C-alpha atoms as a PDB file:
ATOM      1  CA  MET A   1      -8.645 -14.027  14.139  1.00  0.00           C
ATOM      2  CA  ARG A   2      -7.760 -14.523  10.448  1.00  0.00           C
ATOM      3  CA  SER A   3     -10.702 -15.301   8.179  1.00  0.00           C
ATOM      4  CA  SER A   4     -10.405 -17.398   5.033  1.00  0.00           C
ATOM      5  CA  GLY A   5     -10.649 -15.556   1.749  1.00  0.00           C
ATOM      6  CA  SER A   6      -9.643 -12.057   0.681  1.00  0.00           C
ATOM      7  CA  TYR A   7     -11.259  -8.672   1.304  1.00  0.00           C
ATOM      8  CA  ILE A   8     -11.533  -6.094  -1.466  1.00  0.00           C
ATOM      9  CA  VAL A   9     -12.961  -2.599  -1.837  1.00  0.00           C
ATOM     10  CA  CYS A  10     -13.959  -2.406  -5.509  1.00  0.00           C
ATOM     11  CA  THR A  11     -14.827   0.844  -7.315  1.00  0.00           C
ATOM     12  CA  ARG A  12     -15.550  -0.654 -10.744  1.00  0.00           C
ATOM     13  CA  ALA A  13     -18.904  -0.118 -12.427  1.00  0.00           C
ATOM     14  CA  LEU A  14     -21.273  -2.970 -13.219  1.00  0.00           C
ATOM     15  CA  ASP A  15     -22.613  -3.718 -16.698  1.00  0.00           C
ATOM     16  CA  SER A  16     -26.184  -4.777 -17.487  1.00  0.00           C
ATOM     17  CA  ALA A  17     -25.274  -8.410 -16.833  1.00  0.00           C
ATOM     18  CA  GLY A  18     -23.910  -7.633 -13.375  1.00  0.00           C
ATOM     19  CA  ASN A  19     -20.226  -7.971 -14.301  1.00  0.00           C
ATOM     20  CA  PHE A  20     -17.484  -5.542 -13.275  1.00  0.00           C
ATOM     21  CA  ARG A  21     -16.117  -3.383 -16.076  1.00  0.00           C
ATOM     22  CA  PRO A  22     -13.123  -1.010 -16.207  1.00  0.00           C
ATOM     23  CA  GLU A  23     -15.033   2.193 -15.507  1.00  0.00           C
ATOM     24  CA  PRO A  24     -15.648   4.026 -12.197  1.00  0.00           C
ATOM     25  CA  GLY A  25     -18.833   3.060 -10.403  1.00  0.00           C
ATOM     26  CA  PRO A  26     -20.436   2.655  -6.969  1.00  0.00           C
ATOM     27  CA  THR A  27     -18.219   1.059  -4.337  1.00  0.00           C
ATOM     28  CA  SER A  28     -18.653  -2.654  -3.633  1.00  0.00           C
ATOM     29  CA  PHE A  29     -17.320  -4.522  -0.597  1.00  0.00           C
ATOM     30  CA  LEU A  30     -16.176  -8.045  -1.432  1.00  0.00           C
ATOM     31  CA  HIS A  31     -15.198 -11.177   0.454  1.00  0.00           C
ATOM     32  CA  VAL A  32     -13.589 -13.516  -2.075  1.00  0.00           C
ATOM     33  CA  PRO A  33     -13.320 -17.233  -1.172  1.00  0.00           C
ATOM     34  CA  THR A  34      -9.884 -18.831  -1.390  1.00  0.00           C
ATOM     35  CA  SER A  35     -11.143 -21.137  -4.145  1.00  0.00           C
ATOM     36  CA  ARG A  36     -11.659 -18.207  -6.546  1.00  0.00           C
ATOM     37  CA  ARG A  37      -8.939 -16.901  -8.862  1.00  0.00           C
ATOM     38  CA  SER A  38     -10.785 -13.680  -9.634  1.00  0.00           C
ATOM     39  CA  PHE A  39     -13.519 -11.630  -8.017  1.00  0.00           C
ATOM     40  CA  ALA A  40     -17.051 -10.892  -9.126  1.00  0.00           C
ATOM     41  CA  ALA A  41     -20.153  -8.988  -8.045  1.00  0.00           C
ATOM     42  CA  ALA A  42     -21.595 -12.182  -6.569  1.00  0.00           C
ATOM     43  CA  GLN A  43     -19.053 -11.857  -3.734  1.00  0.00           C
ATOM     44  CA  ARG A  44     -20.393  -8.513  -2.509  1.00  0.00           C
ATOM     45  CA  ILE A  45     -21.428  -8.269   1.139  1.00  0.00           C
ATOM     46  CA  ASP A  46     -22.968  -5.536   3.275  1.00  0.00           C
ATOM     47  CA  ARG A  47     -20.673  -2.592   4.087  1.00  0.00           C
ATOM     48  CA  GLU A  48     -21.021  -2.946   7.865  1.00  0.00           C
ATOM     49  CA  ARG A  49     -20.613  -6.696   7.734  1.00  0.00           C
ATOM     50  CA  TRP A  50     -17.461  -6.208   5.654  1.00  0.00           C
ATOM     51  CA  ARG A  51     -16.070  -3.694   8.153  1.00  0.00           C
ATOM     52  CA  ARG A  52     -16.653  -5.965  11.113  1.00  0.00           C
ATOM     53  CA  ALA A  53     -15.113  -8.948   9.338  1.00  0.00           C
ATOM     54  CA  VAL A  54     -12.020  -6.969   8.327  1.00  0.00           C
ATOM     55  CA  ILE A  55     -11.466  -5.641  11.851  1.00  0.00           C
ATOM     56  CA  ALA A  56     -11.902  -9.125  13.296  1.00  0.00           C
ATOM     57  CA  SER A  57      -9.458 -10.597  10.769  1.00  0.00           C
ATOM     58  CA  ALA A  58      -6.841  -7.895  11.381  1.00  0.00           C
ATOM     59  CA  SER A  59      -7.083  -8.091  15.179  1.00  0.00           C
ATOM     60  CA  GLY A  60      -4.533  -9.936  17.269  1.00  0.00           C
ATOM     61  CA  PRO A  61      -2.732  -9.787  20.615  1.00  0.00           C
ATOM     62  CA  GLU A  62      -2.217  -6.335  22.092  1.00  0.00           C
ATOM     63  CA  ASP A  63       1.227  -4.865  21.570  1.00  0.00           C
ATOM     64  CA  PRO A  64       2.689  -4.328  25.061  1.00  0.00           C
ATOM     65  CA  VAL A  65       4.465  -1.121  23.992  1.00  0.00           C
ATOM     66  CA  THR A  66       2.055   0.636  21.606  1.00  0.00           C
ATOM     67  CA  GLY A  67      -1.246  -0.848  22.745  1.00  0.00           C
ATOM     68  CA  ALA A  68      -2.209  -1.633  19.137  1.00  0.00           C
ATOM     69  CA  THR A  69      -4.247  -4.775  18.564  1.00  0.00           C
ATOM     70  CA  GLY A  70      -3.458  -5.401  14.914  1.00  0.00           C
ATOM     71  CA  ASP A  71      -2.377  -4.077  11.530  1.00  0.00           C
ATOM     72  CA  LEU A  72      -4.244  -3.536   8.273  1.00  0.00           C
ATOM     73  CA  LEU A  73      -2.531  -2.825   4.947  1.00  0.00           C
ATOM     74  CA  PHE A  74      -4.555  -1.367   2.072  1.00  0.00           C
ATOM     75  CA  PHE A  75      -2.935  -2.365  -1.226  1.00  0.00           C
ATOM     76  CA  VAL A  76      -3.677   0.131  -4.026  1.00  0.00           C
ATOM     77  CA  HIS A  77      -2.700  -1.342  -7.391  1.00  0.00           C
ATOM     78  CA  GLY A  78      -1.555   0.465 -10.521  1.00  0.00           C
ATOM     79  CA  TYR A  79      -2.819   0.681 -14.088  1.00  0.00           C
ATOM     80  CA  ASN A  80      -3.194  -2.340 -16.386  1.00  0.00           C
ATOM     81  CA  ASN A  81      -4.534  -4.592 -13.603  1.00  0.00           C
ATOM     82  CA  ASP A  82      -7.502  -6.875 -14.208  1.00  0.00           C
ATOM     83  CA  ALA A  83      -9.417  -8.569 -11.386  1.00  0.00           C
ATOM     84  CA  ALA A  84      -7.358 -11.768 -11.456  1.00  0.00           C
ATOM     85  CA  THR A  85      -4.082  -9.805 -11.205  1.00  0.00           C
ATOM     86  CA  VAL A  86      -5.350  -7.683  -8.306  1.00  0.00           C
ATOM     87  CA  LEU A  87      -6.432 -10.776  -6.400  1.00  0.00           C
ATOM     88  CA  TRP A  88      -3.149 -12.618  -7.058  1.00  0.00           C
ATOM     89  CA  ARG A  89      -1.073  -9.684  -5.862  1.00  0.00           C
ATOM     90  CA  THR A  90      -3.223  -9.195  -2.750  1.00  0.00           C
ATOM     91  CA  ARG A  91      -2.897 -12.840  -1.795  1.00  0.00           C
ATOM     92  CA  THR A  92       0.810 -12.948  -2.577  1.00  0.00           C
ATOM     93  CA  LEU A  93       1.440  -9.909  -0.397  1.00  0.00           C
ATOM     94  CA  GLN A  94      -0.531 -11.550   2.411  1.00  0.00           C
ATOM     95  CA  ARG A  95       1.379 -14.824   2.113  1.00  0.00           C
ATOM     96  CA  THR A  96       4.889 -13.386   1.765  1.00  0.00           C
ATOM     97  CA  LEU A  97       4.426 -10.832   4.567  1.00  0.00           C
ATOM     98  CA  ALA A  98       3.069 -13.558   6.868  1.00  0.00           C
ATOM     99  CA  ALA A  99       6.053 -15.758   5.984  1.00  0.00           C
ATOM    100  CA  GLN A 100       8.297 -12.960   7.276  1.00  0.00           C
ATOM    101  CA  GLY A 101       6.462 -12.741  10.582  1.00  0.00           C
ATOM    102  CA  TRP A 102       4.000  -9.918   9.895  1.00  0.00           C
ATOM    103  CA  ARG A 103       0.644 -10.649  11.539  1.00  0.00           C
ATOM    104  CA  GLY A 104      -1.595  -8.121   9.804  1.00  0.00           C
ATOM    105  CA  LEU A 105      -4.219  -8.318   7.074  1.00  0.00           C
ATOM    106  CA  VAL A 106      -3.835  -7.164   3.456  1.00  0.00           C
ATOM    107  CA  VAL A 107      -6.947  -5.632   1.858  1.00  0.00           C
ATOM    108  CA  ALA A 108      -7.108  -4.535  -1.785  1.00  0.00           C
ATOM    109  CA  PHE A 109      -8.453  -1.183  -2.890  1.00  0.00           C
ATOM    110  CA  ASP A 110      -9.418  -1.928  -6.479  1.00  0.00           C
ATOM    111  CA  TRP A 111      -9.985   0.882  -8.953  1.00  0.00           C
ATOM    112  CA  PRO A 112     -10.966   0.556 -12.640  1.00  0.00           C
ATOM    113  CA  SER A 113      -7.813  -0.024 -14.658  1.00  0.00           C
ATOM    114  CA  ASP A 114      -8.020  -1.823 -17.971  1.00  0.00           C
ATOM    115  CA  ASN A 115      -5.844  -4.785 -18.946  1.00  0.00           C
ATOM    116  CA  SER A 116      -4.335  -2.911 -21.887  1.00  0.00           C
ATOM    117  CA  THR A 117      -1.394  -0.507 -21.726  1.00  0.00           C
ATOM    118  CA  LEU A 118      -3.099   1.543 -24.443  1.00  0.00           C
ATOM    119  CA  ASN A 119      -5.532   2.690 -21.771  1.00  0.00           C
ATOM    120  CA  TYR A 120      -2.796   4.171 -19.572  1.00  0.00           C
ATOM    121  CA  LEU A 121      -3.935   7.785 -19.824  1.00  0.00           C
ATOM    122  CA  GLU A 122      -7.600   6.873 -19.385  1.00  0.00           C
ATOM    123  CA  ASP A 123      -6.709   4.746 -16.360  1.00  0.00           C
ATOM    124  CA  ARG A 124      -4.919   7.708 -14.822  1.00  0.00           C
ATOM    125  CA  ARG A 125      -8.025   9.856 -15.201  1.00  0.00           C
ATOM    126  CA  ASP A 126     -10.068   7.086 -13.617  1.00  0.00           C
ATOM    127  CA  ALA A 127      -7.554   6.924 -10.764  1.00  0.00           C
ATOM    128  CA  SER A 128      -8.056  10.602 -10.022  1.00  0.00           C
ATOM    129  CA  GLN A 129     -11.830  10.220 -10.218  1.00  0.00           C
ATOM    130  CA  VAL A 130     -12.004   7.378  -7.698  1.00  0.00           C
ATOM    131  CA  ALA A 131      -9.344   8.673  -5.283  1.00  0.00           C
ATOM    132  CA  HIS A 132     -12.056  10.107  -3.058  1.00  0.00           C
ATOM    133  CA  ALA A 133     -13.499   6.598  -2.666  1.00  0.00           C
ATOM    134  CA  LEU A 134     -10.255   5.489  -1.023  1.00  0.00           C
ATOM    135  CA  VAL A 135     -11.063   7.930   1.775  1.00  0.00           C
ATOM    136  CA  ASP A 136     -14.870   7.732   1.818  1.00  0.00           C
ATOM    137  CA  ASP A 137     -15.334   4.001   1.372  1.00  0.00           C
ATOM    138  CA  ALA A 138     -12.107   2.466   2.676  1.00  0.00           C
ATOM    139  CA  LEU A 139     -10.074   4.569   5.092  1.00  0.00           C
ATOM    140  CA  GLN A 140     -13.043   6.280   6.735  1.00  0.00           C
ATOM    141  CA  LEU A 141     -14.507   2.906   7.727  1.00  0.00           C
ATOM    142  CA  LEU A 142     -11.415   2.243   9.806  1.00  0.00           C
ATOM    143  CA  ILE A 143     -10.903   5.855  10.881  1.00  0.00           C
ATOM    144  CA  ASP A 144     -14.448   5.940  12.280  1.00  0.00           C
ATOM    145  CA  ALA A 145     -13.636   2.785  14.238  1.00  0.00           C
ATOM    146  CA  GLN A 146     -10.348   4.230  15.516  1.00  0.00           C
ATOM    147  CA  TYR A 147     -11.879   7.564  16.488  1.00  0.00           C
ATOM    148  CA  PRO A 148     -15.617   7.020  17.114  1.00  0.00           C
ATOM    149  CA  ALA A 149     -17.842  10.088  17.304  1.00  0.00           C
ATOM    150  CA  GLU A 150     -19.716   8.676  20.285  1.00  0.00           C
ATOM    151  CA  PRO A 151     -17.675   8.806  23.524  1.00  0.00           C
ATOM    152  CA  ALA A 152     -19.323   5.604  24.784  1.00  0.00           C
ATOM    153  CA  VAL A 153     -18.093   3.591  21.770  1.00  0.00           C
ATOM    154  CA  PRO A 154     -14.725   1.907  22.458  1.00  0.00           C
ATOM    155  CA  PRO A 155     -12.070   2.775  19.841  1.00  0.00           C
ATOM    156  CA  CYS A 156     -10.530   0.222  17.520  1.00  0.00           C
ATOM    157  CA  ARG A 157      -6.761   0.086  18.018  1.00  0.00           C
ATOM    158  CA  ILE A 158      -5.754  -1.344  14.655  1.00  0.00           C
ATOM    159  CA  ASN A 159      -2.948   0.386  12.763  1.00  0.00           C
ATOM    160  CA  VAL A 160      -3.893   1.275   9.178  1.00  0.00           C
ATOM    161  CA  HIS A 161      -1.204   1.399   6.461  1.00  0.00           C
ATOM    162  CA  LEU A 162      -1.108   2.011   2.684  1.00  0.00           C
ATOM    163  CA  LEU A 163       0.918   0.431  -0.117  1.00  0.00           C
ATOM    164  CA  GLY A 164       0.732   2.006  -3.570  1.00  0.00           C
ATOM    165  CA  HIS A 165       2.085   0.244  -6.659  1.00  0.00           C
ATOM    166  CA  SER A 166       2.742   2.311  -9.795  1.00  0.00           C
ATOM    167  CA  THR A 167      -0.286   4.564 -10.367  1.00  0.00           C
ATOM    168  CA  GLY A 168      -1.543   3.414  -6.968  1.00  0.00           C
ATOM    169  CA  ALA A 169       0.889   5.963  -5.503  1.00  0.00           C
ATOM    170  CA  TYR A 170      -0.961   8.642  -7.489  1.00  0.00           C
ATOM    171  CA  VAL A 171      -4.311   7.408  -6.137  1.00  0.00           C
ATOM    172  CA  ILE A 172      -3.028   7.602  -2.550  1.00  0.00           C
ATOM    173  CA  MET A 173      -1.701  11.149  -2.919  1.00  0.00           C
ATOM    174  CA  GLU A 174      -4.914  12.273  -4.601  1.00  0.00           C
ATOM    175  CA  ALA A 175      -6.934  10.703  -1.779  1.00  0.00           C
ATOM    176  CA  PHE A 176      -5.158  12.760   0.882  1.00  0.00           C
ATOM    177  CA  ALA A 177      -5.449  15.904  -1.246  1.00  0.00           C
ATOM    178  CA  ASN A 178      -9.197  15.296  -1.600  1.00  0.00           C
ATOM    179  CA  ALA A 179      -9.572  14.625   2.116  1.00  0.00           C
ATOM    180  CA  ALA A 180      -7.921  17.963   2.906  1.00  0.00           C
ATOM    181  CA  LYS A 181     -10.703  19.739   1.036  1.00  0.00           C
ATOM    182  CA  ARG A 182     -13.273  18.325   3.433  1.00  0.00           C
ATOM    183  CA  GLY A 183     -12.798  20.535   6.460  1.00  0.00           C
ATOM    184  CA  GLU A 184     -14.827  18.617   9.044  1.00  0.00           C
ATOM    185  CA  PHE A 185     -13.263  15.278   8.155  1.00  0.00           C
ATOM    186  CA  PHE A 186      -9.704  16.587   7.970  1.00  0.00           C
ATOM    187  CA  ARG A 187      -9.995  18.358  11.331  1.00  0.00           C
ATOM    188  CA  ARG A 188     -10.522  15.031  13.081  1.00  0.00           C
ATOM    189  CA  HIS A 189      -7.455  13.611  14.822  1.00  0.00           C
ATOM    190  CA  TRP A 190      -6.878  10.562  12.629  1.00  0.00           C
ATOM    191  CA  ARG A 191      -3.567   9.189  11.467  1.00  0.00           C
ATOM    192  CA  ILE A 192      -2.347   6.619   8.959  1.00  0.00           C
ATOM    193  CA  GLY A 193       0.679   4.596  10.046  1.00  0.00           C
ATOM    194  CA  GLN A 194       3.128   3.623   7.331  1.00  0.00           C
ATOM    195  CA  VAL A 195       2.772   4.462   3.639  1.00  0.00           C
ATOM    196  CA  ALA A 196       4.971   2.788   1.024  1.00  0.00           C
ATOM    197  CA  PHE A 197       5.332   3.308  -2.719  1.00  0.00           C
ATOM    198  CA  ILE A 198       6.710   0.601  -5.019  1.00  0.00           C
ATOM    199  CA  ALA A 199       7.471   1.605  -8.620  1.00  0.00           C
ATOM    200  CA  GLY A 200       5.677   4.822  -7.745  1.00  0.00           C
ATOM    201  CA  ASP A 201       4.402   6.570 -10.867  1.00  0.00           C
ATOM    202  CA  VAL A 202       4.476  10.083  -9.420  1.00  0.00           C
ATOM    203  CA  ALA A 203       7.004  12.799 -10.113  1.00  0.00           C
ATOM    204  CA  SER A 204       9.995  12.679  -7.787  1.00  0.00           C
ATOM    205  CA  SER A 205       9.639  16.423  -7.259  1.00  0.00           C
ATOM    206  CA  SER A 206       6.042  15.969  -6.066  1.00  0.00           C
ATOM    207  CA  LEU A 207       7.355  14.296  -2.887  1.00  0.00           C
ATOM    208  CA  GLY A 208       9.445  17.293  -1.839  1.00  0.00           C
ATOM    209  CA  ALA A 209       8.909  19.242   1.364  1.00  0.00           C
ATOM    210  CA  GLY A 210       7.482  22.177  -0.592  1.00  0.00           C
ATOM    211  CA  SER A 211       4.957  20.161  -2.585  1.00  0.00           C
ATOM    212  CA  ASP A 212       1.399  21.403  -2.077  1.00  0.00           C
ATOM    213  CA  TRP A 213       0.096  18.094  -3.428  1.00  0.00           C
ATOM    214  CA  ALA A 214       2.051  15.995  -0.921  1.00  0.00           C
ATOM    215  CA  ARG A 215       1.458  18.232   2.101  1.00  0.00           C
ATOM    216  CA  PRO A 216      -1.926  16.742   3.146  1.00  0.00           C
ATOM    217  CA  MET A 217      -0.407  13.249   3.016  1.00  0.00           C
ATOM    218  CA  TYR A 218       2.604  14.181   5.135  1.00  0.00           C
ATOM    219  CA  GLU A 219       0.319  15.814   7.694  1.00  0.00           C
ATOM    220  CA  ARG A 220      -1.543  12.530   8.292  1.00  0.00           C
ATOM    221  CA  ILE A 221       1.098   9.775   8.140  1.00  0.00           C
ATOM    222  CA  PHE A 222       3.981   8.664  10.291  1.00  0.00           C
ATOM    223  CA  ARG A 223       6.333   7.798   7.439  1.00  0.00           C
ATOM    224  CA  LEU A 224       6.522   7.357   3.667  1.00  0.00           C
ATOM    225  CA  THR A 225       8.961   4.761   2.296  1.00  0.00           C
ATOM    226  CA  ASN A 226       9.712   5.016  -1.428  1.00  0.00           C
ATOM    227  CA  TYR A 227      11.256   1.938  -3.068  1.00  0.00           C
ATOM    228  CA  SER A 228      13.077   2.998  -6.241  1.00  0.00           C
ATOM    229  CA  ASN A 229      14.637   0.954  -9.051  1.00  0.00           C
ATOM    230  CA  GLY A 230      16.743   2.604 -11.731  1.00  0.00           C
ATOM    231  CA  PHE A 231      16.090  -0.334 -14.067  1.00  0.00           C
ATOM    232  CA  ASP A 232      12.315   0.225 -14.154  1.00  0.00           C
ATOM    233  CA  ARG A 233      11.686   0.556 -17.877  1.00  0.00           C
ATOM    234  CA  VAL A 234       7.940   1.001 -17.507  1.00  0.00           C
ATOM    235  CA  LEU A 235       8.511   4.191 -15.520  1.00  0.00           C
ATOM    236  CA  ALA A 236      10.977   5.357 -18.164  1.00  0.00           C
ATOM    237  CA  ALA A 237       8.113   5.117 -20.670  1.00  0.00           C
ATOM    238  CA  SER A 238       5.878   6.998 -18.240  1.00  0.00           C
ATOM    239  CA  SER A 239       8.439   9.791 -18.061  1.00  0.00           C
ATOM    240  CA  MET A 240       8.703   9.900 -21.875  1.00  0.00           C
ATOM    241  CA  LYS A 241       4.945  10.473 -22.128  1.00  0.00           C
ATOM    242  CA  ARG A 242       5.554  13.632 -20.128  1.00  0.00           C
ATOM    243  CA  LEU A 243       8.372  14.721 -22.493  1.00  0.00           C
ATOM    244  CA  GLY A 244      10.966  13.650 -19.940  1.00  0.00           C
ATOM    245  CA  THR A 245      10.251  16.600 -17.666  1.00  0.00           C
ATOM    246  CA  SER A 246       9.020  14.623 -14.663  1.00  0.00           C
ATOM    247  CA  PRO A 247      11.308  11.745 -13.640  1.00  0.00           C
ATOM    248  CA  ARG A 248       9.297   9.239 -11.625  1.00  0.00           C
ATOM    249  CA  ALA A 249       9.952   8.613  -7.943  1.00  0.00           C
ATOM    250  CA  GLY A 250       9.890   4.846  -8.462  1.00  0.00           C
ATOM    251  CA  ARG A 251      12.813   5.131 -10.897  1.00  0.00           C
ATOM    252  CA  VAL A 252      15.043   7.982  -9.699  1.00  0.00           C
ATOM    253  CA  GLY A 253      14.150   8.156  -6.002  1.00  0.00           C
ATOM    254  CA  VAL A 254      13.229  11.183  -3.928  1.00  0.00           C
ATOM    255  CA  PRO A 255      14.191  14.859  -4.313  1.00  0.00           C
ATOM    256  CA  GLN A 256      16.921  16.606  -2.347  1.00  0.00           C
ATOM    257  CA  ASP A 257      14.372  18.537  -0.295  1.00  0.00           C
ATOM    258  CA  ALA A 258      12.731  15.347   0.978  1.00  0.00           C
ATOM    259  CA  PRO A 259      11.072  15.856   4.392  1.00  0.00           C
ATOM    260  CA  ARG A 260      12.129  13.801   7.409  1.00  0.00           C
ATOM    261  CA  LYS A 261       9.032  11.627   7.079  1.00  0.00           C
ATOM    262  CA  LEU A 262      10.242  10.378   3.684  1.00  0.00           C
ATOM    263  CA  VAL A 263      12.900   7.696   3.234  1.00  0.00           C
ATOM    264  CA  ASN A 264      14.115   6.199  -0.033  1.00  0.00           C
ATOM    265  CA  VAL A 265      15.281   2.602  -0.406  1.00  0.00           C
ATOM    266  CA  ASP A 266      17.199   2.084  -3.660  1.00  0.00           C
ATOM    267  CA  CYS A 267      16.540  -1.438  -4.965  1.00  0.00           C
ATOM    268  CA  SER A 268      18.560  -1.104  -8.190  1.00  0.00           C
ATOM    269  CA  ALA A 269      21.601  -3.196  -7.251  1.00  0.00           C
ATOM    270  CA  TYR A 270      19.455  -5.887  -5.659  1.00  0.00           C
ATOM    271  CA  PHE A 271      17.124  -6.033  -8.674  1.00  0.00           C
ATOM    272  CA  ALA A 272      20.043  -6.260 -11.133  1.00  0.00           C
ATOM    273  CA  ARG A 273      20.927  -9.688  -9.693  1.00  0.00           C
ATOM    274  CA  LYS A 274      17.396 -11.106  -9.873  1.00  0.00           C
ATOM    275  CA  ASN A 275      16.527 -13.764 -12.466  1.00  0.00           C
ATOM    276  CA  PRO A 276      12.947 -13.590 -13.766  1.00  0.00           C
ATOM    277  CA  ALA A 277      13.046 -17.332 -14.501  1.00  0.00           C
ATOM    278  CA  THR A 278      13.422 -18.125 -10.808  1.00  0.00           C
ATOM    279  CA  SER A 279      11.264 -15.286  -9.464  1.00  0.00           C
ATOM    280  CA  GLU A 280       7.618 -15.186  -8.464  1.00  0.00           C
ATOM    281  CA  PHE A 281       5.806 -12.295 -10.126  1.00  0.00           C
ATOM    282  CA  THR A 282       3.005 -11.269 -12.464  1.00  0.00           C
ATOM    283  CA  GLY A 283       2.986  -8.418 -14.953  1.00  0.00           C
ATOM    284  CA  THR A 284       6.138  -6.737 -16.267  1.00  0.00           C
ATOM    285  CA  PHE A 285       9.099  -7.960 -14.226  1.00  0.00           C
ATOM    286  CA  ASN A 286      11.099  -4.721 -14.001  1.00  0.00           C
ATOM    287  CA  HIS A 287       8.005  -2.871 -12.769  1.00  0.00           C
ATOM    288  CA  SER A 288       6.346  -5.433 -10.475  1.00  0.00           C
ATOM    289  CA  TRP A 289       9.070  -7.742  -9.139  1.00  0.00           C
ATOM    290  CA  HIS A 290       8.452  -6.576  -5.552  1.00  0.00           C
ATOM    291  CA  ILE A 291       5.288  -8.623  -4.976  1.00  0.00           C
ATOM    292  CA  GLY A 292       6.527 -12.164  -4.493  1.00  0.00           C
ATOM    293  CA  ASP A 293      10.094 -11.245  -3.539  1.00  0.00           C
ATOM    294  CA  PRO A 294      11.012 -12.487  -0.014  1.00  0.00           C
ATOM    295  CA  VAL A 295      13.634  -9.799   0.672  1.00  0.00           C
ATOM    296  CA  PHE A 296      11.228  -7.012  -0.200  1.00  0.00           C
ATOM    297  CA  ALA A 297       8.553  -8.736   1.911  1.00  0.00           C
ATOM    298  CA  LEU A 298      10.842  -8.754   4.965  1.00  0.00           C
ATOM    299  CA  ASP A 299      11.807  -5.111   4.469  1.00  0.00           C
ATOM    300  CA  LEU A 300       8.160  -4.116   4.120  1.00  0.00           C
ATOM    301  CA  ALA A 301       7.132  -6.227   7.129  1.00  0.00           C
ATOM    302  CA  LEU A 302       9.736  -4.553   9.341  1.00  0.00           C
ATOM    303  CA  THR A 303       8.703  -1.151   7.968  1.00  0.00           C
ATOM    304  CA  LEU A 304       5.029  -1.728   8.748  1.00  0.00           C
ATOM    305  CA  GLU A 305       5.841  -2.906  12.269  1.00  0.00           C
ATOM    306  CA  GLY A 306       7.834   0.268  12.959  1.00  0.00           C
ATOM    307  CA  ALA A 307       9.784  -1.342  15.806  1.00  0.00           C
ATOM    308  CA  ILE A 308      13.203  -0.888  14.157  1.00  0.00           C
ATOM    309  CA  ASP A 309      14.579   2.451  13.007  1.00  0.00           C
ATOM    310  CA  ARG A 310      14.601   2.868   9.239  1.00  0.00           C
ATOM    311  CA  ASN A 311      18.409   3.164   9.194  1.00  0.00           C
ATOM    312  CA  VAL A 312      19.077  -0.189  10.882  1.00  0.00           C
ATOM    313  CA  ILE A 313      16.481  -2.444   9.245  1.00  0.00           C
ATOM    314  CA  PRO A 314      18.647  -5.504   8.416  1.00  0.00           C
ATOM    315  CA  THR A 315      17.561  -5.671   4.752  1.00  0.00           C
ATOM    316  CA  ARG A 316      19.159  -2.258   4.159  1.00  0.00           C
ATOM    317  CA  ALA A 317      22.701  -0.939   3.912  1.00  0.00           C
ATOM    318  CA  GLU A 318      23.994   2.612   3.691  1.00  0.00           C
ATOM    319  CA  ARG A 319      25.841   3.438   0.500  1.00  0.00           C
ATOM    320  CA  ASP A 320      26.826   6.847  -0.851  1.00  0.00           C
ATOM    321  CA  GLY A 321      24.702   8.562   1.762  1.00  0.00           C
ATOM    322  CA  GLY A 322      21.528   6.606   0.959  1.00  0.00           C
ATOM    323  CA  LEU A 323      19.845   3.318   1.837  1.00  0.00           C
ATOM    324  CA  VAL A 324      19.888   0.335  -0.526  1.00  0.00           C
ATOM    325  CA  LEU A 325      18.064  -2.991  -0.384  1.00  0.00           C
ATOM    326  CA  VAL A 326      20.338  -5.979   0.260  1.00  0.00           C
ATOM    327  CA  GLY A 327      19.751  -9.710   0.205  1.00  0.00           C
ATOM    328  CA  GLY A 328      20.771 -12.385   2.697  1.00  0.00           C
ATOM    329  CA  ALA A 329      19.383 -10.621   5.770  1.00  0.00           C
ATOM    330  CA  ARG A 330      17.010 -12.096   8.342  1.00  0.00           C
ATOM    331  CA  ARG A 331      14.768 -10.760  11.038  1.00  0.00           C
ATOM    332  CA  PRO A 332      16.845 -10.215  14.227  1.00  0.00           C
ATOM    333  CA  ARG A 333      17.026 -13.536  16.043  1.00  0.00           C
ATOM    334  CA  TYR A 334      15.908 -12.332  19.458  1.00  0.00           C
ATOM    335  CA  GLN A 335      13.541  -9.547  18.380  1.00  0.00           C
ATOM    336  CA  ALA A 336      10.505 -11.304  19.856  1.00  0.00           C
ATOM    337  CA  ARG A 337      12.160 -11.059  23.299  1.00  0.00           C
ATOM    338  CA  TRP A 338      13.276  -7.442  23.148  1.00  0.00           C
ATOM    339  CA  ASP A 339      10.228  -6.182  25.047  1.00  0.00           C
ATOM    340  CA  ALA A 340      10.857  -8.534  27.960  1.00  0.00           C
ATOM    341  CA  GLU A 341      10.872  -7.007  31.434  1.00  0.00           C
ATOM    342  CA  ARG A 342      12.581  -8.258  34.581  1.00  0.00           C
ATOM    343  CA  PRO A 343      12.111  -6.880  38.092  1.00  0.00           C
ATOM    344  CA  ALA A 344      15.119  -5.494  39.914  1.00  0.00           C
END
């Protein structure tokens, strides 16, 4: 049952006038009407009311194979995102994924990033500071519903996924690392479904099988899909700030020792043919073209559904031993009938 409006978990502080500002603060749970182009503190609702509304909006028919009753995608944005940009990207993801047949709900996890690139380093510190809120105030709400402590409480069977854009990938990895430090919570048998990074501003090497930072994430997810683009100039600047010693995963892809749970989709050739004048996007085009692109939306939709193996998703082709994003593909024509059964 899809509700009107957008749902947001906001970790920005409030000023004396009750307005959000780009500093970490107590978590707010928002339901933003469709008529609004930005979000504000006036749209806060009770935490439990928010949880129930999100579960109801993400719920749908039971999957006959997996038994799941819906999908929920937490979108974690990057640095240099004001409230209006976060809301636009959340709504655009919802609309483009739905247009490609995905039936889930997109929820934004909003952390305090300023609307100036000069605040990049400060934003990254803020991202680390609020990473624990992604677990405590976002994921745990759904994890508690999936795996209730009381045996008499029926579990929620909604799949929970994560999408990290730019520094949002850093926030996600930090969140899992923080969760691992909480023994009682991490010992519970919870799982996150699909995780995807677009223009991921984390070191490529940090995603390797031997990475201590990535290990807690890999232990709790089914798969990580990294979308890379060699033409991402913003990530080139990010690498330069680190003296060129840490090439970013969103630009160069994944390391050679990538674990089996990690797959890279190279978008470089596809991006090189895109015209910004005829594309839907906000922000810097080479760094944020994904949100609004129909081909990316179909690839992500099929990834989140998990019904098709990563190597045969129709928006991908194998080239030089890796997977690349390709245009012109469609969802398989008869996919909706593939689970049909017929008695002997």
